[in-house]
Amino acid sequence: MLKRMKAAVAATTAVVLSGTVASAGGLSDAIVEAPVIVEDPVEVGPTGGSLPGWVIPAAIVALLIGVASSSDDDDGEKRR
């Protein structure tokens, strides 16, 4: 009986305290956001890159060809 009464008092205390915490803070000024001003976007024309579009792929292909040509033979014999 005493355990049940302690549990009821604890539950009632928790409900009362949580209600007090939830209603606290209502005395401050309301936060009002400034109105959003939408400006017309400025259209900018496409700008050219610093390199043409074919330079990077050509460099990658040249790198792969260089690696393939400098690799050793698969049979392990040295060339003279």
Protein backbone atom coordinates (compact mmCIF):
# COMPACT_ATOMS: atom_id res chain seq x y z
CA MET A 1 0.00 0.00 0.00
CA LEU A 2 2.84 2.37 0.84
CA LYS A 3 4.60 1.64 -2.48
CA ARG A 4 1.44 2.37 -4.42
CA MET A 5 0.96 5.66 -2.58
CA LYS A 6 4.59 6.71 -3.21
CA ALA A 7 4.16 5.90 -6.89
CA ALA A 8 0.95 7.97 -7.09
CA VAL A 9 2.58 10.94 -5.34
CA ALA A 10 5.63 10.71 -7.63
CA ALA A 11 3.44 10.53 -10.75
CA THR A 12 1.32 13.48 -9.61
CA THR A 13 4.43 15.52 -8.82
CA ALA A 14 5.89 14.74 -12.26
CA VAL A 15 2.68 15.80 -14.02
CA VAL A 16 2.43 19.05 -12.04
CA LEU A 17 6.11 19.94 -12.60
CA SER A 18 6.00 19.16 -16.31
CA GLY A 19 2.93 21.38 -16.70
CA THR A 20 4.72 24.21 -14.91
CA VAL A 21 7.79 23.88 -17.12
CA ALA A 22 5.70 23.76 -20.28
CA SER A 23 3.87 26.99 -19.49
CA ALA A 24 6.95 28.92 -18.36
CA GLY A 25 8.44 31.60 -20.57
CA GLY A 26 5.27 33.22 -21.84
CA LEU A 27 6.19 36.67 -20.51
CA SER A 28 8.84 37.64 -23.06
CA ASP A 29 8.25 39.67 -26.21
CA ALA A 30 7.20 37.80 -29.31
CA ILE A 31 9.91 37.29 -31.92
CA VAL A 32 8.84 38.85 -35.20
CA GLU A 33 10.86 38.17 -38.32
CA ALA A 34 11.59 40.95 -40.76
CA PRO A 35 9.73 40.77 -44.05
CA VAL A 36 11.60 39.02 -46.84
CA ILE A 37 12.29 41.21 -49.85
CA VAL A 38 12.65 39.25 -53.05
CA GLU A 39 14.78 40.95 -55.67
CA ASP A 40 14.87 40.06 -59.34
CA PRO A 41 17.75 37.70 -60.03
CA VAL A 42 20.55 39.05 -62.15
CA GLU A 43 21.09 36.88 -65.17
CA VAL A 44 24.71 36.16 -65.89
CA GLY A 45 25.76 34.73 -69.22
CA PRO A 46 27.71 31.49 -69.33
CA THR A 47 31.36 32.03 -68.73
CA GLY A 48 34.04 30.12 -70.54
CA GLY A 49 36.28 27.90 -68.48
CA SER A 50 40.00 28.41 -68.30
CA LEU A 51 40.62 25.19 -70.26
CA PRO A 52 38.79 23.73 -73.24
CA GLY A 53 36.67 20.68 -72.47
CA TRP A 54 38.97 18.24 -74.28
CA VAL A 55 42.18 19.03 -72.35
CA ILE A 56 41.47 17.00 -69.19
CA PRO A 57 40.31 13.82 -70.99
CA ALA A 58 43.32 14.08 -73.34
CA ALA A 59 45.65 14.39 -70.35
CA ILE A 60 44.09 11.31 -68.73
CA VAL A 61 44.47 9.30 -71.94
CA ALA A 62 48.10 10.44 -72.29
CA LEU A 63 48.77 9.43 -68.70
CA LEU A 64 47.26 5.98 -69.24
CA ILE A 65 49.32 5.49 -72.42
CA GLY A 66 52.47 6.55 -70.57
CA VAL A 67 51.82 4.12 -67.73
CA ALA A 68 51.06 1.28 -70.13
CA SER A 69 54.20 1.86 -72.20
CA SER A 70 56.54 2.13 -69.20
CA SER A 71 55.35 -1.05 -67.49
CA ASP A 72 57.72 -4.05 -67.33
CA ASP A 73 57.29 -7.20 -69.37
CA ASP A 74 55.06 -9.84 -67.85
CA ASP A 75 57.57 -12.67 -68.40
CA GLY A 76 60.14 -11.10 -66.06
CA GLU A 77 63.03 -10.89 -68.57
CA LYS A 78 64.96 -7.68 -68.84
CA ARG A 79 65.37 -6.05 -72.26
CA ARG A 80 68.85 -5.13 -73.53
